[in-house]
N, C-alpha and C. Protein backbone atom coordinates (compact mmCIF):
# COMPACT_ATOMS: atom_id res chain seq x y z
N MET A 1 -13.11 -6.52 3.93
CA MET A 1 -13.99 -5.68 2.29
C MET A 1 -15.23 -6.93 2.15
N LYS A 2 -15.90 -6.64 1.76
CA LYS A 2 -17.27 -7.08 1.18
C LYS A 2 -16.98 -7.49 -0.39
N ASN A 3 -17.12 -9.32 -0.19
CA ASN A 3 -16.94 -9.72 -1.87
C ASN A 3 -17.81 -8.31 -2.97
N THR A 4 -18.74 -8.18 -2.57
CA THR A 4 -19.84 -7.43 -3.45
C THR A 4 -19.00 -5.89 -3.35
N ASP A 5 -18.20 -5.32 -2.29
CA ASP A 5 -17.43 -3.89 -2.56
C ASP A 5 -16.04 -4.60 -3.61
N ILE A 6 -15.81 -5.71 -3.12
CA ILE A 6 -14.70 -5.59 -4.27
C ILE A 6 -14.87 -5.94 -5.51
N ASN A 7 -15.99 -6.37 -5.97
CA ASN A 7 -16.79 -6.48 -7.11
C ASN A 7 -17.24 -5.27 -7.94
N ALA A 8 -17.39 -4.58 -7.18
CA ALA A 8 -18.30 -3.08 -7.17
C ALA A 8 -16.70 -2.29 -7.86
N MET A 9 -15.50 -2.63 -7.35
CA MET A 9 -14.06 -1.74 -6.98
C MET A 9 -13.31 -2.42 -8.39
N TYR A 10 -13.93 -3.43 -8.69
CA TYR A 10 -13.20 -4.31 -9.77
C TYR A 10 -14.02 -3.11 -11.30
N GLN A 11 -15.17 -3.54 -11.10
CA GLN A 11 -16.16 -3.27 -12.29
C GLN A 11 -16.15 -1.73 -12.79
N GLU A 12 -15.84 -0.88 -11.04
CA GLU A 12 -16.02 0.54 -12.20
C GLU A 12 -13.88 0.75 -12.26
N HIS A 13 -13.27 0.46 -11.76
CA HIS A 13 -12.00 0.56 -12.13
C HIS A 13 -10.99 -0.23 -13.05
N ALA A 14 -11.46 -1.05 -13.76
CA ALA A 14 -10.81 -2.87 -14.04
C ALA A 14 -10.42 -1.71 -15.41
N LYS A 15 -11.71 -0.93 -15.97
CA LYS A 15 -11.17 -0.43 -17.70
C LYS A 15 -9.88 0.99 -17.42
N VAL A 16 -10.43 1.36 -16.56
CA VAL A 16 -8.59 2.95 -16.59
C VAL A 16 -7.65 2.00 -16.45
N VAL A 17 -7.61 0.89 -15.28
CA VAL A 17 -6.36 0.55 -15.32
C VAL A 17 -5.74 -0.67 -15.77
N TYR A 18 -6.73 -1.05 -16.85
CA TYR A 18 -6.63 -2.71 -18.09
C TYR A 18 -5.37 -1.53 -19.14
N VAL A 19 -6.31 -0.18 -19.52
CA VAL A 19 -6.08 0.78 -20.59
C VAL A 19 -4.48 1.04 -20.46
N PHE A 20 -4.33 1.81 -19.05
CA PHE A 20 -3.54 2.32 -18.47
C PHE A 20 -1.75 1.42 -18.54
N LEU A 21 -2.18 0.16 -18.10
CA LEU A 21 -1.15 -1.05 -18.17
C LEU A 21 -0.99 -1.29 -19.83
N TYR A 22 -2.42 -1.31 -20.35
CA TYR A 22 -2.13 -1.90 -22.25
C TYR A 22 -0.80 -0.42 -22.50
N LYS A 23 -1.43 0.23 -21.97
CA LYS A 23 -0.61 1.73 -22.72
C LYS A 23 0.95 1.77 -22.48
N MET A 24 1.25 1.02 -21.25
CA MET A 24 2.53 0.88 -20.67
C MET A 24 3.39 -0.24 -21.66
N CYS A 25 2.50 -1.56 -21.67
CA CYS A 25 3.14 -3.01 -22.12
C CYS A 25 2.87 -2.94 -23.24
N GLN A 26 2.04 -2.57 -23.95
CA GLN A 26 1.36 -2.57 -25.89
C GLN A 26 0.96 -4.15 -25.92
N ASP A 27 0.91 -5.33 -25.14
CA ASP A 27 0.64 -6.25 -25.02
C ASP A 27 -1.29 -6.63 -23.80
N THR A 28 -1.81 -6.80 -24.55
CA THR A 28 -3.15 -7.35 -24.28
C THR A 28 -2.31 -8.14 -23.35
N HIS A 29 -2.33 -9.46 -23.20
CA HIS A 29 -2.40 -10.60 -22.59
C HIS A 29 -1.57 -10.05 -21.29
N LEU A 30 -0.45 -9.11 -21.77
CA LEU A 30 0.40 -9.17 -20.04
C LEU A 30 -0.33 -8.04 -19.22
N ALA A 31 -1.13 -6.92 -20.52
CA ALA A 31 -2.02 -5.76 -19.23
C ALA A 31 -3.32 -6.61 -18.98
N GLU A 32 -3.83 -7.56 -19.08
CA GLU A 32 -4.74 -8.58 -18.31
C GLU A 32 -4.11 -9.02 -17.05
N ASP A 33 -2.98 -10.01 -17.41
CA ASP A 33 -2.13 -10.37 -16.20
C ASP A 33 -2.19 -9.83 -15.24
N LEU A 34 -1.40 -8.23 -15.60
CA LEU A 34 -0.92 -7.21 -14.42
C LEU A 34 -2.18 -6.48 -13.90
N MET A 35 -3.31 -6.58 -14.62
CA MET A 35 -4.45 -6.02 -13.98
C MET A 35 -5.11 -6.95 -12.86
N GLN A 36 -4.74 -7.95 -13.32
CA GLN A 36 -5.27 -9.14 -11.99
C GLN A 36 -4.22 -9.07 -11.15
N ASP A 37 -2.94 -9.15 -11.51
CA ASP A 37 -2.05 -8.41 -10.22
C ASP A 37 -2.38 -7.40 -9.37
N THR A 38 -2.47 -6.69 -10.31
CA THR A 38 -2.74 -4.98 -9.73
C THR A 38 -4.45 -5.20 -8.60
N PHE A 39 -5.23 -5.97 -8.84
CA PHE A 39 -6.54 -5.98 -7.83
C PHE A 39 -6.13 -6.86 -6.61
N LEU A 40 -5.61 -7.97 -7.34
CA LEU A 40 -4.86 -8.83 -6.51
C LEU A 40 -4.34 -8.23 -5.04
N LYS A 41 -3.47 -7.64 -5.53
CA LYS A 41 -2.78 -6.51 -4.69
C LYS A 41 -3.30 -5.48 -3.97
N ALA A 42 -4.33 -4.97 -4.69
CA ALA A 42 -5.27 -4.42 -4.06
C ALA A 42 -5.93 -4.20 -3.12
N MET A 43 -6.54 -5.78 -3.06
CA MET A 43 -7.38 -6.26 -2.21
C MET A 43 -6.71 -6.63 -0.87
N GLU A 44 -5.37 -7.36 -1.16
CA GLU A 44 -4.46 -8.05 -0.28
C GLU A 44 -4.57 -6.63 1.03
N HIS A 45 -4.50 -5.41 0.24
CA HIS A 45 -3.61 -4.19 0.90
C HIS A 45 -4.87 -2.92 0.74
N ILE A 46 -5.46 -3.48 1.28
CA ILE A 46 -7.18 -2.77 1.03
C ILE A 46 -6.93 -1.49 2.28
N ASP A 47 -6.73 -1.70 3.25
CA ASP A 47 -6.60 -1.10 4.80
C ASP A 47 -5.45 0.05 4.49
N ALA A 48 -4.58 -0.14 3.88
CA ALA A 48 -3.37 0.92 3.37
C ALA A 48 -4.15 1.77 2.88
N PHE A 49 -5.13 1.80 2.06
CA PHE A 49 -5.69 2.78 1.06
C PHE A 49 -6.61 3.67 2.08
N ASP A 50 -5.90 4.90 2.08
CA ASP A 50 -6.16 6.14 3.47
C ASP A 50 -6.97 6.95 2.78
N GLY A 51 -7.43 6.82 1.58
CA GLY A 51 -8.90 7.90 1.14
C GLY A 51 -7.97 8.91 0.57
N LYS A 52 -6.75 9.46 0.60
CA LYS A 52 -6.04 10.66 0.33
C LYS A 52 -6.54 11.12 -0.69
N CYS A 53 -6.25 10.07 -2.03
CA CYS A 53 -6.61 10.51 -2.90
C CYS A 53 -7.41 9.44 -3.93
N LYS A 54 -7.86 9.42 -5.07
CA LYS A 54 -8.86 8.72 -5.66
C LYS A 54 -8.50 7.67 -5.46
N LEU A 55 -9.55 6.20 -5.80
CA LEU A 55 -8.77 4.98 -5.73
C LEU A 55 -8.54 4.52 -7.23
N THR A 56 -8.88 5.31 -8.13
CA THR A 56 -8.31 5.39 -9.36
C THR A 56 -6.84 5.56 -9.55
N THR A 57 -6.49 6.52 -9.06
CA THR A 57 -5.05 6.95 -8.59
C THR A 57 -4.50 5.82 -7.62
N TRP A 58 -4.76 5.23 -6.50
CA TRP A 58 -4.32 4.44 -5.83
C TRP A 58 -3.72 3.22 -6.73
N LEU A 59 -5.23 2.67 -7.43
CA LEU A 59 -5.29 1.68 -8.25
C LEU A 59 -3.88 1.65 -9.08
N CYS A 60 -3.69 2.94 -9.89
CA CYS A 60 -3.04 3.14 -11.10
C CYS A 60 -1.44 3.37 -10.50
N GLN A 61 -1.53 3.70 -9.02
CA GLN A 61 0.24 3.27 -8.62
C GLN A 61 0.61 1.80 -8.16
N ILE A 62 -0.47 1.67 -8.15
CA ILE A 62 -0.13 -0.11 -7.83
C ILE A 62 0.16 -1.01 -9.30
N ALA A 63 -0.53 -0.69 -9.94
CA ALA A 63 -0.69 -1.31 -11.67
C ALA A 63 0.61 -0.29 -12.32
N LYS A 64 1.31 0.32 -11.51
CA LYS A 64 2.45 1.14 -12.23
C LYS A 64 3.74 0.04 -11.45
N ASN A 65 3.65 0.37 -10.46
CA ASN A 65 4.67 -0.68 -9.64
C ASN A 65 4.48 -2.10 -10.03
N THR A 66 3.49 -2.77 -10.19
CA THR A 66 3.01 -4.05 -10.38
C THR A 66 4.17 -4.29 -12.27
N TYR A 67 4.11 -3.10 -12.95
CA TYR A 67 4.55 -3.45 -13.95
C TYR A 67 6.10 -3.44 -13.93
N TYR A 68 6.36 -2.30 -13.06
CA TYR A 68 7.83 -1.82 -13.12
C TYR A 68 8.63 -3.58 -12.48
N ASP A 69 8.05 -4.05 -11.47
CA ASP A 69 8.32 -5.30 -10.97
C ASP A 69 8.17 -6.29 -11.83
N TYR A 70 7.03 -6.79 -12.68
CA TYR A 70 7.59 -7.22 -14.08
C TYR A 70 8.88 -7.25 -15.12
N LEU A 71 9.05 -6.35 -15.24
CA LEU A 71 10.35 -5.46 -15.94
C LEU A 71 11.26 -5.93 -15.47
N ARG A 72 11.45 -5.77 -14.17
CA ARG A 72 12.55 -5.63 -13.28
C ARG A 72 13.09 -7.68 -13.86
N LYS A 73 11.95 -8.04 -13.55
CA LYS A 73 11.89 -9.57 -13.21
C LYS A 73 12.42 -10.01 -14.04
N ASN A 74 11.86 -9.76 -15.58
CA ASN A 74 12.16 -10.00 -16.74
C ASN A 74 12.63 -9.61 -17.81
N LYS A 75 13.72 -7.92 -17.61
CA LYS A 75 14.66 -7.70 -17.90
C LYS A 75 14.67 -7.44 -19.05
N ARG A 76 12.82 -6.37 -19.52
CA ARG A 76 12.65 -6.25 -21.09
C ARG A 76 12.29 -4.99 -21.51
N TYR A 77 12.48 -4.15 -20.20
CA TYR A 77 12.59 -2.58 -19.52
C TYR A 77 12.95 -2.05 -21.54
N ALA A 78 14.30 -2.23 -21.95
CA ALA A 78 14.51 -1.74 -23.07
C ALA A 78 13.42 -2.04 -24.13
N ASP A 79 13.31 -3.44 -24.11
CA ASP A 79 12.37 -3.52 -25.24
C ASP A 79 11.09 -3.49 -25.14
N THR A 80 10.40 -2.55 -23.92
CA THR A 80 9.06 -2.43 -24.03
C THR A 80 8.56 -1.22 -24.86
N GLU A 81 7.74 -1.36 -25.49
CA GLU A 81 7.01 0.08 -26.41
C GLU A 81 5.90 0.23 -26.06
N ILE A 82 5.59 1.48 -26.59
CA ILE A 82 4.22 2.17 -25.75
C ILE A 82 4.14 2.91 -27.03
N ALA A 83 2.81 2.43 -27.65
CA ALA A 83 1.98 2.86 -29.15
C ALA A 83 1.35 4.14 -28.83
N LEU A 84 1.04 5.05 -29.55
CA LEU A 84 0.67 6.08 -29.76
C LEU A 84 -0.79 5.97 -30.46
N ASP A 85 -2.13 6.80 -29.43
CA ASP A 85 -2.98 6.36 -30.35
C ASP A 85 -3.06 7.25 -31.26
N GLY A 86 -4.31 6.65 -32.28
CA GLY A 86 -4.46 7.50 -33.60
C GLY A 86 -3.44 7.46 -34.29
N ILE A 87 -2.09 7.03 -34.28
CA ILE A 87 -1.36 7.14 -35.44
C ILE A 87 -1.48 6.80 -36.85
N ASN A 88 -2.69 5.46 -36.83
CA ASN A 88 -3.48 4.69 -38.29
C ASN A 88 -4.65 5.62 -38.31
N GLY A 89 -4.75 6.70 -37.70
CA GLY A 89 -6.17 7.08 -38.01
C GLY A 89 -7.40 6.92 -38.95
N GLY A 90 -6.45 7.36 -40.26
CA GLY A 90 -7.15 6.98 -41.33
C GLY A 90 -7.09 5.82 -42.47
N GLU A 91 -7.54 5.90 -43.48
CA GLU A 91 -7.21 5.06 -44.59
C GLU A 91 -5.90 5.06 -45.56
N LEU A 92 -5.04 4.89 -45.22
CA LEU A 92 -3.30 4.55 -45.50
C LEU A 92 -2.95 3.98 -46.39
N THR A 93 -2.01 4.13 -47.36
CA THR A 93 -1.38 3.53 -48.29
C THR A 93 -0.65 2.63 -48.00
N PRO A 94 -0.18 1.35 -48.64
CA PRO A 94 0.45 0.83 -47.40
C PRO A 94 2.32 1.28 -47.45
N GLU A 95 2.47 2.33 -48.38
CA GLU A 95 3.68 2.86 -47.93
C GLU A 95 3.62 3.77 -46.71
N GLU A 96 2.10 4.65 -47.00
CA GLU A 96 1.98 5.58 -45.94
C GLU A 96 2.29 5.06 -44.27
N GLU A 97 1.62 3.70 -44.46
CA GLU A 97 1.71 2.88 -43.32
C GLU A 97 2.90 2.54 -42.92
N VAL A 98 3.55 1.87 -43.53
CA VAL A 98 4.98 1.51 -42.94
C VAL A 98 5.72 3.07 -41.95
N LEU A 99 5.29 4.28 -43.08
CA LEU A 99 6.11 5.51 -42.51
C LEU A 99 5.50 5.61 -41.38
N SER A 100 4.12 5.62 -41.29
CA SER A 100 3.26 6.16 -39.86
C SER A 100 4.12 4.51 -38.79
N LYS A 101 4.23 3.89 -39.14
CA LYS A 101 4.52 3.02 -37.68
C LYS A 101 6.21 3.12 -37.54
N GLU A 102 6.92 3.33 -38.33
CA GLU A 102 8.23 4.26 -38.22
C GLU A 102 7.98 5.25 -37.46
N SER A 103 7.17 6.16 -37.75
CA SER A 103 7.28 7.45 -36.83
C SER A 103 6.41 7.29 -35.17
N ALA A 104 5.84 6.26 -35.18
CA ALA A 104 5.12 5.77 -33.68
C ALA A 104 6.31 5.13 -32.63
N LYS A 105 6.97 4.28 -33.93
CA LYS A 105 8.03 3.66 -33.10
C LYS A 105 9.23 4.63 -33.11
N GLU A 106 9.48 5.59 -33.59
CA GLU A 106 10.36 7.03 -33.21
C GLU A 106 9.56 7.65 -32.04
N ILE A 107 8.33 8.10 -32.01
CA ILE A 107 8.04 8.54 -30.67
C ILE A 107 8.07 7.45 -28.99
N ARG A 108 7.53 6.05 -29.59
CA ARG A 108 7.98 5.39 -28.48
C ARG A 108 9.47 5.32 -27.75
N MET A 109 10.44 5.91 -28.86
CA MET A 109 11.75 5.84 -28.31
C MET A 109 11.81 6.92 -27.80
N TYR A 110 11.67 7.81 -28.31
CA TYR A 110 11.50 9.52 -27.48
C TYR A 110 11.08 9.29 -25.89
N ILE A 111 9.86 8.73 -25.63
CA ILE A 111 8.97 9.13 -24.78
C ILE A 111 9.81 7.94 -23.34
N HIS A 112 10.25 6.85 -24.00
CA HIS A 112 11.40 6.05 -23.33
C HIS A 112 12.58 6.27 -23.12
N GLN A 113 12.91 7.43 -23.88
CA GLN A 113 14.48 8.17 -23.29
C GLN A 113 14.18 8.96 -22.23
N LEU A 114 12.73 9.54 -21.97
CA LEU A 114 12.24 10.43 -21.10
C LEU A 114 12.86 10.34 -19.56
N PRO A 115 13.48 11.47 -19.18
CA PRO A 115 13.69 10.95 -17.99
C PRO A 115 12.74 11.05 -17.05
N GLU A 116 12.97 10.39 -15.83
CA GLU A 116 11.67 9.98 -15.12
C GLU A 116 11.76 11.73 -14.06
N PRO A 117 10.90 12.33 -13.95
CA PRO A 117 9.08 11.79 -13.67
C PRO A 117 8.44 12.15 -14.44
N TYR A 118 9.21 12.90 -15.58
CA TYR A 118 8.43 13.15 -16.88
C TYR A 118 8.41 12.11 -17.54
N LYS A 119 8.80 10.97 -17.86
CA LYS A 119 8.17 9.96 -18.80
C LYS A 119 6.86 9.19 -18.10
N GLU A 120 7.02 9.08 -16.42
CA GLU A 120 5.67 8.70 -16.42
C GLU A 120 4.50 9.40 -15.90
N VAL A 121 4.82 10.55 -15.52
CA VAL A 121 3.75 12.06 -15.65
C VAL A 121 2.45 11.83 -17.14
N PHE A 122 4.05 11.91 -18.32
CA PHE A 122 3.48 11.64 -19.45
C PHE A 122 2.55 10.54 -19.89
N LEU A 123 3.06 9.60 -19.68
CA LEU A 123 1.86 8.23 -19.36
C LEU A 123 0.97 8.27 -18.53
N LEU A 124 0.86 8.77 -17.56
CA LEU A 124 -0.70 8.98 -16.66
C LEU A 124 -1.64 9.83 -17.45
N ARG A 125 -0.86 11.20 -17.89
CA ARG A 125 -1.81 11.93 -18.35
C ARG A 125 -2.37 11.67 -19.98
N PHE A 126 -0.90 11.33 -20.65
CA PHE A 126 -1.78 11.49 -22.26
C PHE A 126 -2.48 10.11 -22.56
N TYR A 127 -2.31 8.57 -21.59
CA TYR A 127 -2.57 7.24 -21.94
C TYR A 127 -3.55 7.02 -20.83
N ALA A 128 -3.64 7.21 -19.18
CA ALA A 128 -4.45 6.97 -18.35
C ALA A 128 -5.20 8.48 -18.14
N GLU A 129 -5.38 9.07 -18.81
CA GLU A 129 -6.09 10.56 -18.95
C GLU A 129 -6.18 10.34 -17.74
N LEU A 130 -5.55 10.70 -16.69
CA LEU A 130 -5.58 11.18 -15.65
C LEU A 130 -5.59 12.75 -14.70
N PRO A 131 -6.37 13.27 -14.10
CA PRO A 131 -6.50 14.74 -13.95
C PRO A 131 -5.18 14.87 -13.22
N PHE A 132 -4.63 16.31 -13.54
CA PHE A 132 -3.15 16.82 -12.71
C PHE A 132 -3.60 16.48 -11.37
N ARG A 133 -4.17 16.53 -10.94
CA ARG A 133 -4.61 16.79 -9.18
C ARG A 133 -4.22 15.29 -9.09
N GLU A 134 -4.82 14.22 -9.77
CA GLU A 134 -4.12 12.95 -9.38
C GLU A 134 -2.85 12.51 -9.47
N ILE A 135 -2.08 13.10 -10.34
CA ILE A 135 -1.09 12.86 -10.89
C ILE A 135 0.01 13.45 -9.72
N GLY A 136 -0.50 14.60 -9.36
CA GLY A 136 0.50 15.36 -8.19
C GLY A 136 0.27 14.62 -6.98
N GLN A 137 -0.88 13.87 -6.61
CA GLN A 137 -1.13 13.44 -5.76
C GLN A 137 -0.16 12.11 -4.94
N MET A 138 0.29 11.37 -6.91
CA MET A 138 0.37 10.16 -6.90
C MET A 138 2.13 10.82 -6.57
N PHE A 139 2.65 11.90 -6.41
CA PHE A 139 4.18 12.01 -6.70
C PHE A 139 3.94 12.58 -5.38
N GLY A 140 3.12 13.07 -4.50
CA GLY A 140 3.21 13.66 -3.11
C GLY A 140 3.27 14.97 -3.53
N LYS A 141 2.61 15.74 -4.82
CA LYS A 141 3.00 16.76 -5.19
C LYS A 141 1.43 17.57 -5.37
N SER A 142 1.92 18.62 -5.76
CA SER A 142 0.56 19.33 -6.43
C SER A 142 -0.08 19.38 -7.67
N GLU A 143 -1.30 19.89 -8.21
CA GLU A 143 -1.60 19.64 -9.17
C GLU A 143 -0.86 21.01 -10.52
N VAL A 144 -0.29 21.50 -9.89
CA VAL A 144 0.21 22.71 -10.67
C VAL A 144 1.77 21.45 -11.15
N TRP A 145 2.31 21.43 -10.15
CA TRP A 145 3.45 20.31 -10.33
C TRP A 145 3.15 19.38 -11.63
N GLY A 146 1.90 18.92 -11.08
CA GLY A 146 1.67 17.35 -12.11
C GLY A 146 1.41 18.38 -13.47
N ARG A 147 0.56 19.50 -13.82
CA ARG A 147 0.71 20.18 -14.89
C ARG A 147 1.53 20.70 -15.81
N VAL A 148 2.87 21.31 -14.75
CA VAL A 148 4.11 22.05 -15.30
C VAL A 148 4.96 20.41 -16.25
N THR A 149 4.87 19.64 -15.22
CA THR A 149 5.48 18.85 -15.57
C THR A 149 5.49 17.98 -16.69
N TYR A 150 4.39 17.51 -17.13
CA TYR A 150 3.48 17.27 -18.09
C TYR A 150 3.81 18.03 -19.25
N LEU A 151 3.57 19.74 -19.19
CA LEU A 151 3.74 20.17 -20.02
C LEU A 151 5.31 20.02 -20.17
N ARG A 152 5.98 20.70 -19.39
CA ARG A 152 7.90 20.09 -19.82
C ARG A 152 8.25 18.85 -20.48
N SER A 153 7.70 17.57 -19.97
CA SER A 153 7.68 16.52 -20.70
C SER A 153 7.45 16.44 -22.53
N LYS A 154 6.60 17.08 -22.54
CA LYS A 154 5.81 17.32 -24.16
C LYS A 154 6.38 18.22 -24.85
N ASP A 155 7.33 19.33 -24.27
CA ASP A 155 8.65 20.07 -24.42
C ASP A 155 9.84 19.28 -24.70
N MET A 156 10.03 18.69 -23.45
CA MET A 156 11.37 17.35 -24.82
C MET A 156 11.12 16.59 -25.39
N LEU A 157 9.60 16.08 -25.43
CA LEU A 157 9.66 15.08 -27.14
C LEU A 157 9.80 15.75 -28.13
N ILE A 158 8.94 17.36 -27.89
CA ILE A 158 9.06 18.15 -29.27
C ILE A 158 10.50 18.84 -29.73
N GLU A 159 11.32 18.91 -28.76
CA GLU A 159 12.32 19.21 -28.62
C GLU A 159 13.35 17.62 -29.32
N ARG A 160 13.24 17.00 -28.68
CA ARG A 160 14.01 15.45 -29.28
C ARG A 160 13.23 15.00 -30.79
N MET A 161 11.94 15.43 -30.92
CA MET A 161 11.92 15.02 -32.38
C MET A 161 12.14 16.37 -33.54
N GLU A 162 12.62 17.28 -32.99
CA GLU A 162 12.87 18.18 -34.19
C GLU A 162 14.16 18.25 -34.56
N GLU A 163 14.92 17.95 -33.67
CA GLU A 163 16.61 17.29 -33.24
C GLU A 163 16.77 16.83 -34.83
N LYS A 164 15.87 15.72 -35.10
CA LYS A 164 15.74 14.66 -35.80
C LYS A 164 16.09 15.17 -37.17
């Protein structure tokens, strides 16, 4: 692969990969490091990309595996939190902000308690905003499987929150 191709790949896909990683780890520096590792791995294994899925899908799969490798090495999985966008959307009083942060923390806990593949599908759809077709491809399944799995993960989250 030529340098110009590598630069173009990075320019086109870096933001999506970064956002996906940031939503998983909630740490800007870690997301940047993992993104760099992801693109290094992608460049090293570009010959393995067979074109059966979009390049973004392939890169997010590498990013996910890179993040999980990091967690295994650092044994931080239980401490990792995922923030939800828009929790503090408007102007809040200090009391409302504390309650909002507590709610976000609780929701992140519920997301982490989802069994696989529900948790991963939820993250891919909600945070990385991948289409159901690409999510299905990542798991070797259909678009319908991606859609159904995502809806089931949302139902599980709602059910757990209502039990509270």
